[in-house]
Amino acid sequence: MTKIAAEVRRTAVARLQELRADGVLTAAHVRTVARSAGVSERTVWRWLSPPAARPARQPRTHYLLSDTDLEAFAFYRGNIAALHRARQAVLAGDGTTAGAPVPQFLAEGWAGARPVTLRTLQRAFAAELTPAERAAWKTGESGRRAAAVYLRRPDTPRGRCWEMDHKQLPLLVLPPKGAALAPWITTVVDDGTRALLGWAIAITPTSATVFTAMRMAMLHDPQVSPFGAVPERVRIDRGLEFAADDVEAALGALAVVMHRLPAFAPHRKGKVERLNLTIEQTLISQLPGSPAAPATRAAPCTGR
């Protein structure tokens, strides 16, 4: 009810209670109030009834998932509708769904269970499983990462923190000697501004490419960019090139803290990962030799 309707209700109930106390309350009074408030007469009589006389609303009993329900959720890869059909088939004594028998371990687990609706199962899975857990069974680890909640890092001033990474470019090049290959790029990104501070391209990533990219990021050239300074810390992955003794010694001499991230956690250095993906989507895909480049139609043969 709106604020005005609530005030009208309180005023009308108080007046009707006065009429009841005087012994002159009639159905006509209730009908008049109901017409004015836009409700039924039964609603007005319910307003006048004492709270103890009103029927208590029974709380809804929530269905709790069993171990068999969770196993079936994993077996059917997060398809709750398929899970419900299999569950109903077991309870009905059929034991087959979509022309295939329900697995024995699910049939034994559901034996004697009470039937529930599809909507009840959907509510139960939404309440007891996190979105990341549900996505993991549907699309795998990539889905779990996409649905997981990550805390946002606080804003970092310019030049305080770097993110470094290697990436093999999806581009075939032909070196002076040897067969065609896909080169690697080493990038250094500023955490505060997402600016590309330094890079190095080589056949294979080594500590030399790391030093090249770091030197470009540290040197300040006003004619090129306002960047160029020694950071306070660097985020790197588990690559052996970043963990080389020479790299660690050089950064240690400059009092730069190396933060080695755990394996399989690219979101911990998401800014350099996003930059590498942008380079691939906007630059590499337009170059000849890239698998993502648009295919050129060959000219028709006109030889006789």
C-alpha atoms as a PDB file:
ATOM      1  CA  MET A   1       0.000   0.000   0.000  1.00  0.00           C
ATOM      2  CA  THR A   2       1.092   3.562  -0.618  1.00  0.00           C
ATOM      3  CA  LYS A   3       1.643   6.118   2.109  1.00  0.00           C
ATOM      4  CA  ILE A   4      -1.703   7.838   1.462  1.00  0.00           C
ATOM      5  CA  ALA A   5      -3.602   4.520   1.477  1.00  0.00           C
ATOM      6  CA  ALA A   6      -1.984   3.578   4.801  1.00  0.00           C
ATOM      7  CA  GLU A   7      -3.115   6.858   6.345  1.00  0.00           C
ATOM      8  CA  VAL A   8      -6.635   6.340   4.994  1.00  0.00           C
ATOM      9  CA  ARG A   9      -6.662   2.843   6.456  1.00  0.00           C
ATOM     10  CA  ARG A  10      -5.603   4.014   9.916  1.00  0.00           C
ATOM     11  CA  THR A  11      -8.213   6.801   9.909  1.00  0.00           C
ATOM     12  CA  ALA A  12     -10.994   4.510   8.707  1.00  0.00           C
ATOM     13  CA  VAL A  13     -10.152   1.736  11.180  1.00  0.00           C
ATOM     14  CA  ALA A  14     -10.038   4.190  14.067  1.00  0.00           C
ATOM     15  CA  ARG A  15     -13.484   5.556  13.099  1.00  0.00           C
ATOM     16  CA  LEU A  16     -14.992   2.096  12.716  1.00  0.00           C
ATOM     17  CA  GLN A  17     -13.570   1.023  16.078  1.00  0.00           C
ATOM     18  CA  GLU A  18     -15.231   4.057  17.673  1.00  0.00           C
ATOM     19  CA  LEU A  19     -18.538   3.058  16.095  1.00  0.00           C
ATOM     20  CA  ARG A  20     -18.098  -0.509  17.348  1.00  0.00           C
ATOM     21  CA  ALA A  21     -17.316   0.727  20.876  1.00  0.00           C
ATOM     22  CA  ASP A  22     -20.526   2.795  20.813  1.00  0.00           C
ATOM     23  CA  GLY A  23     -22.473  -0.232  19.583  1.00  0.00           C
ATOM     24  CA  VAL A  24     -23.696   1.414  16.378  1.00  0.00           C
ATOM     25  CA  LEU A  25     -21.384  -0.232  13.820  1.00  0.00           C
ATOM     26  CA  THR A  26     -23.322  -1.667  10.858  1.00  0.00           C
ATOM     27  CA  ALA A  27     -22.489  -3.336   7.580  1.00  0.00           C
ATOM     28  CA  ALA A  28     -23.337  -0.079   5.814  1.00  0.00           C
ATOM     29  CA  HIS A  29     -20.438   1.644   7.547  1.00  0.00           C
ATOM     30  CA  VAL A  30     -18.070  -1.123   6.455  1.00  0.00           C
ATOM     31  CA  ARG A  31     -19.434  -1.028   2.908  1.00  0.00           C
ATOM     32  CA  THR A  32     -18.926   2.728   2.728  1.00  0.00           C
ATOM     33  CA  VAL A  33     -15.313   2.498   3.886  1.00  0.00           C
ATOM     34  CA  ALA A  34     -14.594  -0.367   1.479  1.00  0.00           C
ATOM     35  CA  ARG A  35     -15.982   1.614  -1.463  1.00  0.00           C
ATOM     36  CA  SER A  36     -13.971   4.671  -0.508  1.00  0.00           C
ATOM     37  CA  ALA A  37     -10.702   2.776  -0.016  1.00  0.00           C
ATOM     38  CA  GLY A  38     -11.137   0.647  -3.110  1.00  0.00           C
ATOM     39  CA  VAL A  39     -11.056  -2.691  -1.267  1.00  0.00           C
ATOM     40  CA  SER A  40     -13.553  -5.423  -0.523  1.00  0.00           C
ATOM     41  CA  GLU A  41     -15.792  -5.511   2.531  1.00  0.00           C
ATOM     42  CA  ARG A  42     -14.023  -8.674   3.667  1.00  0.00           C
ATOM     43  CA  THR A  43     -10.757  -6.744   3.743  1.00  0.00           C
ATOM     44  CA  VAL A  44     -12.276  -4.041   5.960  1.00  0.00           C
ATOM     45  CA  TRP A  45     -13.668  -6.661   8.361  1.00  0.00           C
ATOM     46  CA  ARG A  46     -10.185  -8.207   8.485  1.00  0.00           C
ATOM     47  CA  TRP A  47      -8.770  -4.811   9.429  1.00  0.00           C
ATOM     48  CA  LEU A  48     -11.185  -4.688  12.349  1.00  0.00           C
ATOM     49  CA  SER A  49     -10.460  -8.211  13.559  1.00  0.00           C
ATOM     50  CA  PRO A  50      -7.952  -8.479  16.430  1.00  0.00           C
ATOM     51  CA  PRO A  51      -4.486  -9.768  15.509  1.00  0.00           C
ATOM     52  CA  ALA A  52      -4.914 -12.963  17.540  1.00  0.00           C
ATOM     53  CA  ALA A  53      -8.015 -13.896  15.564  1.00  0.00           C
ATOM     54  CA  ARG A  54      -6.258 -13.728  12.219  1.00  0.00           C
ATOM     55  CA  PRO A  55      -5.055 -17.094  10.871  1.00  0.00           C
ATOM     56  CA  ALA A  56      -1.314 -17.431  11.269  1.00  0.00           C
ATOM     57  CA  ARG A  57       0.542 -17.769   8.008  1.00  0.00           C
ATOM     58  CA  GLN A  58       2.382 -21.046   7.842  1.00  0.00           C
ATOM     59  CA  PRO A  59       6.046 -20.627   6.936  1.00  0.00           C
ATOM     60  CA  ARG A  60       7.100 -22.237   3.683  1.00  0.00           C
ATOM     61  CA  THR A  61       9.188 -25.331   4.185  1.00  0.00           C
ATOM     62  CA  HIS A  62      12.276 -25.068   2.027  1.00  0.00           C
ATOM     63  CA  TYR A  63      13.536 -28.171   0.298  1.00  0.00           C
ATOM     64  CA  LEU A  64      17.093 -29.143   1.216  1.00  0.00           C
ATOM     65  CA  LEU A  65      19.209 -30.808  -1.420  1.00  0.00           C
ATOM     66  CA  SER A  66      20.353 -34.336  -0.710  1.00  0.00           C
ATOM     67  CA  ASP A  67      23.716 -35.839  -1.577  1.00  0.00           C
ATOM     68  CA  THR A  68      22.053 -37.652  -4.469  1.00  0.00           C
ATOM     69  CA  ASP A  69      20.697 -34.355  -5.830  1.00  0.00           C
ATOM     70  CA  LEU A  70      24.190 -32.888  -5.815  1.00  0.00           C
ATOM     71  CA  GLU A  71      25.622 -35.977  -7.494  1.00  0.00           C
ATOM     72  CA  ALA A  72      22.900 -35.798 -10.137  1.00  0.00           C
ATOM     73  CA  PHE A  73      23.641 -32.107 -10.676  1.00  0.00           C
ATOM     74  CA  ALA A  74      27.226 -33.025 -11.457  1.00  0.00           C
ATOM     75  CA  PHE A  75      26.190 -36.011 -13.599  1.00  0.00           C
ATOM     76  CA  TYR A  76      23.810 -33.933 -15.747  1.00  0.00           C
ATOM     77  CA  ARG A  77      26.329 -31.049 -15.986  1.00  0.00           C
ATOM     78  CA  GLY A  78      24.143 -28.510 -14.215  1.00  0.00           C
ATOM     79  CA  ASN A  79      20.963 -29.239 -16.191  1.00  0.00           C
ATOM     80  CA  ILE A  80      18.294 -29.040 -13.488  1.00  0.00           C
ATOM     81  CA  ALA A  81      15.489 -29.850 -15.927  1.00  0.00           C
ATOM     82  CA  ALA A  82      17.193 -33.125 -16.902  1.00  0.00           C
ATOM     83  CA  LEU A  83      17.824 -33.846 -13.232  1.00  0.00           C
ATOM     84  CA  HIS A  84      14.134 -33.308 -12.444  1.00  0.00           C
ATOM     85  CA  ARG A  85      13.012 -35.598 -15.268  1.00  0.00           C
ATOM     86  CA  ALA A  86      15.329 -38.358 -14.062  1.00  0.00           C
ATOM     87  CA  ARG A  87      14.154 -37.896 -10.476  1.00  0.00           C
ATOM     88  CA  GLN A  88      10.508 -38.059 -11.481  1.00  0.00           C
ATOM     89  CA  ALA A  89      11.166 -41.175 -13.563  1.00  0.00           C
ATOM     90  CA  VAL A  90      12.753 -42.931 -10.587  1.00  0.00           C
ATOM     91  CA  LEU A  91       9.903 -42.007  -8.252  1.00  0.00           C
ATOM     92  CA  ALA A  92       7.343 -43.123 -10.839  1.00  0.00           C
ATOM     93  CA  GLY A  93       9.011 -46.525 -11.084  1.00  0.00           C
ATOM     94  CA  ASP A  94       9.963 -46.118 -14.738  1.00  0.00           C
ATOM     95  CA  GLY A  95      13.694 -45.597 -14.311  1.00  0.00           C
ATOM     96  CA  THR A  96      14.266 -44.241 -17.815  1.00  0.00           C
ATOM     97  CA  THR A  97      14.457 -40.705 -19.067  1.00  0.00           C
ATOM     98  CA  ALA A  98      14.964 -39.540 -22.654  1.00  0.00           C
ATOM     99  CA  GLY A  99      15.151 -43.175 -23.675  1.00  0.00           C
ATOM    100  CA  ALA A 100      18.119 -43.946 -21.417  1.00  0.00           C
ATOM    101  CA  PRO A 101      18.105 -45.607 -17.994  1.00  0.00           C
ATOM    102  CA  VAL A 102      18.856 -43.488 -14.942  1.00  0.00           C
ATOM    103  CA  PRO A 103      22.224 -44.468 -13.397  1.00  0.00           C
ATOM    104  CA  GLN A 104      21.945 -47.027 -10.637  1.00  0.00           C
ATOM    105  CA  PHE A 105      23.585 -44.855  -7.973  1.00  0.00           C
ATOM    106  CA  LEU A 106      21.020 -42.105  -8.584  1.00  0.00           C
ATOM    107  CA  ALA A 107      18.090 -44.529  -8.579  1.00  0.00           C
ATOM    108  CA  GLU A 108      19.210 -45.973  -5.233  1.00  0.00           C
ATOM    109  CA  GLY A 109      19.733 -42.531  -3.726  1.00  0.00           C
ATOM    110  CA  TRP A 110      16.317 -41.248  -4.782  1.00  0.00           C
ATOM    111  CA  ALA A 111      14.450 -44.328  -3.581  1.00  0.00           C
ATOM    112  CA  GLY A 112      11.747 -43.215  -1.146  1.00  0.00           C
ATOM    113  CA  ALA A 113      12.350 -39.484  -1.672  1.00  0.00           C
ATOM    114  CA  ARG A 114       9.400 -37.121  -1.722  1.00  0.00           C
ATOM    115  CA  PRO A 115       8.445 -35.631  -5.102  1.00  0.00           C
ATOM    116  CA  VAL A 116       9.189 -31.957  -5.673  1.00  0.00           C
ATOM    117  CA  THR A 117       8.512 -29.605  -8.545  1.00  0.00           C
ATOM    118  CA  LEU A 118      11.083 -28.280 -10.971  1.00  0.00           C
ATOM    119  CA  ARG A 119      10.765 -24.776  -9.543  1.00  0.00           C
ATOM    120  CA  THR A 120      11.465 -26.106  -6.042  1.00  0.00           C
ATOM    121  CA  LEU A 121      14.672 -27.758  -7.242  1.00  0.00           C
ATOM    122  CA  GLN A 122      15.723 -24.594  -9.030  1.00  0.00           C
ATOM    123  CA  ARG A 123      15.232 -22.539  -5.865  1.00  0.00           C
ATOM    124  CA  ALA A 124      17.141 -25.101  -3.798  1.00  0.00           C
ATOM    125  CA  PHE A 125      20.147 -25.138  -6.125  1.00  0.00           C
ATOM    126  CA  ALA A 126      20.132 -21.333  -6.330  1.00  0.00           C
ATOM    127  CA  ALA A 127      20.114 -21.103  -2.522  1.00  0.00           C
ATOM    128  CA  GLU A 128      22.667 -23.801  -1.669  1.00  0.00           C
ATOM    129  CA  LEU A 129      25.182 -23.437  -4.519  1.00  0.00           C
ATOM    130  CA  THR A 130      27.048 -20.306  -5.470  1.00  0.00           C
ATOM    131  CA  PRO A 131      26.921 -19.039  -9.072  1.00  0.00           C
ATOM    132  CA  ALA A 132      30.551 -20.095  -9.495  1.00  0.00           C
ATOM    133  CA  GLU A 133      29.788 -23.655  -8.368  1.00  0.00           C
ATOM    134  CA  ARG A 134      26.821 -23.930 -10.718  1.00  0.00           C
ATOM    135  CA  ALA A 135      28.825 -22.545 -13.627  1.00  0.00           C
ATOM    136  CA  ALA A 136      31.693 -24.977 -12.930  1.00  0.00           C
ATOM    137  CA  TRP A 137      29.453 -27.987 -13.592  1.00  0.00           C
ATOM    138  CA  LYS A 138      27.905 -26.380 -16.671  1.00  0.00           C
ATOM    139  CA  THR A 139      30.927 -25.064 -18.578  1.00  0.00           C
ATOM    140  CA  GLY A 140      33.960 -26.173 -16.599  1.00  0.00           C
ATOM    141  CA  GLU A 141      36.779 -24.153 -15.085  1.00  0.00           C
ATOM    142  CA  SER A 142      36.349 -21.253 -17.512  1.00  0.00           C
ATOM    143  CA  GLY A 143      32.747 -20.867 -16.413  1.00  0.00           C
ATOM    144  CA  ARG A 144      33.703 -20.976 -12.748  1.00  0.00           C
ATOM    145  CA  ARG A 145      36.239 -18.204 -13.242  1.00  0.00           C
ATOM    146  CA  ALA A 146      33.748 -16.090 -15.180  1.00  0.00           C
ATOM    147  CA  ALA A 147      31.102 -16.414 -12.457  1.00  0.00           C
ATOM    148  CA  ALA A 148      33.470 -16.066  -9.501  1.00  0.00           C
ATOM    149  CA  VAL A 149      33.581 -12.823  -7.523  1.00  0.00           C
ATOM    150  CA  TYR A 150      36.914 -11.043  -7.407  1.00  0.00           C
ATOM    151  CA  LEU A 151      37.760  -8.144  -5.163  1.00  0.00           C
ATOM    152  CA  ARG A 152      38.745  -4.957  -6.924  1.00  0.00           C
ATOM    153  CA  ARG A 153      42.246  -3.705  -6.288  1.00  0.00           C
ATOM    154  CA  PRO A 154      42.583  -0.188  -4.905  1.00  0.00           C
ATOM    155  CA  ASP A 155      43.680   2.483  -7.355  1.00  0.00           C
ATOM    156  CA  THR A 156      47.458   2.677  -7.700  1.00  0.00           C
ATOM    157  CA  PRO A 157      49.347   5.873  -8.548  1.00  0.00           C
ATOM    158  CA  ARG A 158      51.192   5.972 -11.846  1.00  0.00           C
ATOM    159  CA  GLY A 159      54.460   4.099 -11.985  1.00  0.00           C
ATOM    160  CA  ARG A 160      54.119   2.356  -8.603  1.00  0.00           C
ATOM    161  CA  CYS A 161      53.254  -1.154  -9.772  1.00  0.00           C
ATOM    162  CA  TRP A 162      53.930  -3.165 -12.922  1.00  0.00           C
ATOM    163  CA  GLU A 163      52.362  -6.256 -14.424  1.00  0.00           C
ATOM    164  CA  MET A 164      54.533  -8.373 -16.716  1.00  0.00           C
ATOM    165  CA  ASP A 165      53.666 -11.302 -18.930  1.00  0.00           C
ATOM    166  CA  HIS A 166      54.713 -13.393 -21.945  1.00  0.00           C
ATOM    167  CA  LYS A 167      52.388 -14.233 -24.823  1.00  0.00           C
ATOM    168  CA  GLN A 168      52.925 -16.187 -28.008  1.00  0.00           C
ATOM    169  CA  LEU A 169      51.527 -14.139 -30.861  1.00  0.00           C
ATOM    170  CA  PRO A 170      49.099 -15.871 -33.224  1.00  0.00           C
ATOM    171  CA  LEU A 171      51.169 -14.775 -36.202  1.00  0.00           C
ATOM    172  CA  LEU A 172      53.449 -16.793 -38.459  1.00  0.00           C
ATOM    173  CA  VAL A 173      56.745 -15.134 -39.406  1.00  0.00           C
ATOM    174  CA  LEU A 174      59.589 -16.434 -41.539  1.00  0.00           C
ATOM    175  CA  PRO A 175      63.011 -15.875 -39.942  1.00  0.00           C
ATOM    176  CA  PRO A 176      66.199 -15.576 -42.074  1.00  0.00           C
ATOM    177  CA  LYS A 177      66.917 -19.223 -41.299  1.00  0.00           C
ATOM    178  CA  GLY A 178      64.601 -22.046 -40.416  1.00  0.00           C
ATOM    179  CA  ALA A 179      60.924 -22.706 -40.756  1.00  0.00           C
ATOM    180  CA  ALA A 180      58.067 -20.335 -40.040  1.00  0.00           C
ATOM    181  CA  LEU A 181      57.262 -19.805 -36.373  1.00  0.00           C
ATOM    182  CA  ALA A 182      55.091 -17.808 -33.974  1.00  0.00           C
ATOM    183  CA  PRO A 183      57.131 -15.237 -31.997  1.00  0.00           C
ATOM    184  CA  TRP A 184      56.678 -14.283 -28.347  1.00  0.00           C
ATOM    185  CA  ILE A 185      56.102 -10.827 -26.903  1.00  0.00           C
ATOM    186  CA  THR A 186      57.030  -9.687 -23.404  1.00  0.00           C
ATOM    187  CA  THR A 187      54.969  -6.749 -22.165  1.00  0.00           C
ATOM    188  CA  VAL A 188      55.154  -4.424 -19.162  1.00  0.00           C
ATOM    189  CA  VAL A 189      51.931  -2.633 -18.162  1.00  0.00           C
ATOM    190  CA  ASP A 190      51.466   0.106 -15.586  1.00  0.00           C
ATOM    191  CA  ASP A 191      48.853  -0.983 -13.044  1.00  0.00           C
ATOM    192  CA  GLY A 192      47.646   2.545 -12.333  1.00  0.00           C
ATOM    193  CA  THR A 193      47.057   3.720 -15.917  1.00  0.00           C
ATOM    194  CA  ARG A 194      47.049   0.504 -18.003  1.00  0.00           C
ATOM    195  CA  ALA A 195      49.738   2.070 -20.197  1.00  0.00           C
ATOM    196  CA  LEU A 196      52.117  -0.158 -22.160  1.00  0.00           C
ATOM    197  CA  LEU A 197      55.503   0.827 -20.757  1.00  0.00           C
ATOM    198  CA  GLY A 198      57.826  -1.640 -22.469  1.00  0.00           C
ATOM    199  CA  TRP A 199      57.874  -4.630 -24.747  1.00  0.00           C
ATOM    200  CA  ALA A 200      60.230  -7.055 -26.454  1.00  0.00           C
ATOM    201  CA  ILE A 201      59.629  -9.544 -29.269  1.00  0.00           C
ATOM    202  CA  ALA A 202      61.750 -12.655 -29.679  1.00  0.00           C
ATOM    203  CA  ILE A 203      61.598 -16.183 -31.029  1.00  0.00           C
ATOM    204  CA  THR A 204      61.454 -17.564 -27.497  1.00  0.00           C
ATOM    205  CA  PRO A 205      61.102 -15.657 -24.205  1.00  0.00           C
ATOM    206  CA  THR A 206      64.294 -15.426 -22.176  1.00  0.00           C
ATOM    207  CA  SER A 207      65.649 -13.310 -19.360  1.00  0.00           C
ATOM    208  CA  ALA A 208      67.165 -11.066 -22.058  1.00  0.00           C
ATOM    209  CA  THR A 209      63.708 -10.171 -23.381  1.00  0.00           C
ATOM    210  CA  VAL A 210      62.605  -9.466 -19.804  1.00  0.00           C
ATOM    211  CA  PHE A 211      65.547  -7.057 -19.330  1.00  0.00           C
ATOM    212  CA  THR A 212      64.787  -5.372 -22.663  1.00  0.00           C
ATOM    213  CA  ALA A 213      61.170  -4.730 -21.748  1.00  0.00           C
ATOM    214  CA  MET A 214      62.109  -3.573 -18.234  1.00  0.00           C
ATOM    215  CA  ARG A 215      64.744  -1.154 -19.542  1.00  0.00           C
ATOM    216  CA  MET A 216      62.241   0.415 -21.937  1.00  0.00           C
ATOM    217  CA  ALA A 217      59.762   0.817 -19.073  1.00  0.00           C
ATOM    218  CA  MET A 218      62.296   2.410 -16.701  1.00  0.00           C
ATOM    219  CA  LEU A 219      63.869   4.948 -19.068  1.00  0.00           C
ATOM    220  CA  HIS A 220      62.098   8.307 -19.236  1.00  0.00           C
ATOM    221  CA  ASP A 221      61.940  10.063 -22.598  1.00  0.00           C
ATOM    222  CA  PRO A 222      59.742  13.198 -22.506  1.00  0.00           C
ATOM    223  CA  GLN A 223      59.418  13.170 -26.280  1.00  0.00           C
ATOM    224  CA  VAL A 224      57.907   9.694 -26.231  1.00  0.00           C
ATOM    225  CA  SER A 225      55.721   9.536 -23.113  1.00  0.00           C
ATOM    226  CA  PRO A 226      55.464  10.839 -19.542  1.00  0.00           C
ATOM    227  CA  PHE A 227      56.238   7.380 -18.204  1.00  0.00           C
ATOM    228  CA  GLY A 228      59.539   5.948 -17.116  1.00  0.00           C
ATOM    229  CA  ALA A 229      60.451   5.201 -13.501  1.00  0.00           C
ATOM    230  CA  VAL A 230      61.474   2.419 -11.134  1.00  0.00           C
ATOM    231  CA  PRO A 231      58.363   0.780  -9.654  1.00  0.00           C
ATOM    232  CA  GLU A 232      57.786  -0.334  -6.093  1.00  0.00           C
ATOM    233  CA  ARG A 233      56.603  -3.845  -6.986  1.00  0.00           C
ATOM    234  CA  VAL A 234      56.087  -6.102  -9.976  1.00  0.00           C
ATOM    235  CA  ARG A 235      53.442  -8.773 -10.494  1.00  0.00           C
ATOM    236  CA  ILE A 236      54.649 -11.778 -12.487  1.00  0.00           C
ATOM    237  CA  ASP A 237      53.422 -15.296 -13.128  1.00  0.00           C
ATOM    238  CA  ARG A 238      55.265 -18.583 -12.675  1.00  0.00           C
ATOM    239  CA  GLY A 239      57.348 -18.168 -15.846  1.00  0.00           C
ATOM    240  CA  LEU A 240      60.950 -19.271 -15.382  1.00  0.00           C
ATOM    241  CA  GLU A 241      62.239 -16.246 -17.328  1.00  0.00           C
ATOM    242  CA  PHE A 242      60.895 -13.884 -14.651  1.00  0.00           C
ATOM    243  CA  ALA A 243      62.360 -16.051 -11.881  1.00  0.00           C
ATOM    244  CA  ALA A 244      65.902 -16.014 -13.311  1.00  0.00           C
ATOM    245  CA  ASP A 245      68.627 -15.115 -10.833  1.00  0.00           C
ATOM    246  CA  ASP A 246      69.787 -12.173 -12.941  1.00  0.00           C
ATOM    247  CA  VAL A 247      66.280 -10.674 -13.087  1.00  0.00           C
ATOM    248  CA  GLU A 248      65.734 -11.163  -9.363  1.00  0.00           C
ATOM    249  CA  ALA A 249      69.136  -9.654  -8.556  1.00  0.00           C
ATOM    250  CA  ALA A 250      68.525  -6.599 -10.765  1.00  0.00           C
ATOM    251  CA  LEU A 251      65.125  -5.890  -9.256  1.00  0.00           C
ATOM    252  CA  GLY A 252      66.441  -6.572  -5.756  1.00  0.00           C
ATOM    253  CA  ALA A 253      69.198  -4.014  -6.211  1.00  0.00           C
ATOM    254  CA  LEU A 254      66.535  -1.429  -7.050  1.00  0.00           C
ATOM    255  CA  ALA A 255      64.384  -2.480  -4.042  1.00  0.00           C
ATOM    256  CA  VAL A 256      61.567  -3.673  -6.316  1.00  0.00           C
ATOM    257  CA  VAL A 257      59.362  -6.278  -4.655  1.00  0.00           C
ATOM    258  CA  MET A 258      58.605  -9.265  -6.912  1.00  0.00           C
ATOM    259  CA  HIS A 259      55.124 -10.637  -6.355  1.00  0.00           C
ATOM    260  CA  ARG A 260      54.949 -14.092  -7.934  1.00  0.00           C
ATOM    261  CA  LEU A 261      51.325 -15.018  -8.478  1.00  0.00           C
ATOM    262  CA  PRO A 262      49.967 -18.542  -7.996  1.00  0.00           C
ATOM    263  CA  ALA A 263      49.560 -20.828 -10.982  1.00  0.00           C
ATOM    264  CA  PHE A 264      46.388 -20.719 -13.070  1.00  0.00           C
ATOM    265  CA  ALA A 265      45.388 -17.291 -11.756  1.00  0.00           C
ATOM    266  CA  PRO A 266      45.495 -14.925 -14.760  1.00  0.00           C
ATOM    267  CA  HIS A 267      42.904 -12.649 -13.129  1.00  0.00           C
ATOM    268  CA  ARG A 268      45.535 -11.631 -10.573  1.00  0.00           C
ATOM    269  CA  LYS A 269      47.271  -9.677 -13.363  1.00  0.00           C
ATOM    270  CA  GLY A 270      44.245  -8.989 -15.474  1.00  0.00           C
ATOM    271  CA  LYS A 271      45.418  -5.668 -16.918  1.00  0.00           C
ATOM    272  CA  VAL A 272      48.367  -7.112 -18.808  1.00  0.00           C
ATOM    273  CA  GLU A 273      46.208 -10.071 -19.859  1.00  0.00           C
ATOM    274  CA  ARG A 274      43.606  -7.644 -21.223  1.00  0.00           C
ATOM    275  CA  LEU A 275      46.313  -5.719 -23.083  1.00  0.00           C
ATOM    276  CA  ASN A 276      47.663  -8.880 -24.703  1.00  0.00           C
ATOM    277  CA  LEU A 277      44.165  -9.805 -25.823  1.00  0.00           C
ATOM    278  CA  THR A 278      43.638  -6.301 -27.229  1.00  0.00           C
ATOM    279  CA  ILE A 279      46.887  -6.552 -29.196  1.00  0.00           C
ATOM    280  CA  GLU A 280      45.719  -9.857 -30.642  1.00  0.00           C
ATOM    281  CA  GLN A 281      42.210  -8.645 -31.503  1.00  0.00           C
ATOM    282  CA  THR A 282      42.983  -5.175 -32.865  1.00  0.00           C
ATOM    283  CA  LEU A 283      46.503  -5.456 -34.307  1.00  0.00           C
ATOM    284  CA  ILE A 284      47.561  -9.026 -35.002  1.00  0.00           C
ATOM    285  CA  SER A 285      44.237 -10.032 -36.536  1.00  0.00           C
ATOM    286  CA  GLN A 286      44.712  -7.418 -39.282  1.00  0.00           C
ATOM    287  CA  LEU A 287      48.157  -8.605 -40.361  1.00  0.00           C
ATOM    288  CA  PRO A 288      48.771 -11.170 -43.106  1.00  0.00           C
ATOM    289  CA  GLY A 289      49.830 -14.518 -41.735  1.00  0.00           C
ATOM    290  CA  SER A 290      47.542 -14.373 -38.728  1.00  0.00           C
ATOM    291  CA  PRO A 291      45.040 -17.219 -38.319  1.00  0.00           C
ATOM    292  CA  ALA A 292      42.426 -14.609 -37.398  1.00  0.00           C
ATOM    293  CA  ALA A 293      43.067 -12.493 -40.503  1.00  0.00           C
ATOM    294  CA  PRO A 294      40.252 -12.387 -43.077  1.00  0.00           C
ATOM    295  CA  ALA A 295      40.836 -14.879 -45.850  1.00  0.00           C
ATOM    296  CA  THR A 296      41.596 -13.360 -49.260  1.00  0.00           C
ATOM    297  CA  ARG A 297      39.855 -14.795 -52.245  1.00  0.00           C
ATOM    298  CA  ALA A 298      42.192 -16.183 -54.824  1.00  0.00           C
ATOM    299  CA  ALA A 299      42.028 -14.713 -58.304  1.00  0.00           C
ATOM    300  CA  PRO A 300      40.367 -16.954 -60.893  1.00  0.00           C
ATOM    301  CA  CYS A 301      42.665 -18.869 -63.165  1.00  0.00           C
ATOM    302  CA  THR A 302      42.539 -17.553 -66.726  1.00  0.00           C
ATOM    303  CA  GLY A 303      45.214 -19.764 -68.229  1.00  0.00           C
ATOM    304  CA  ARG A 304      44.461 -21.448 -71.515  1.00  0.00           C
END
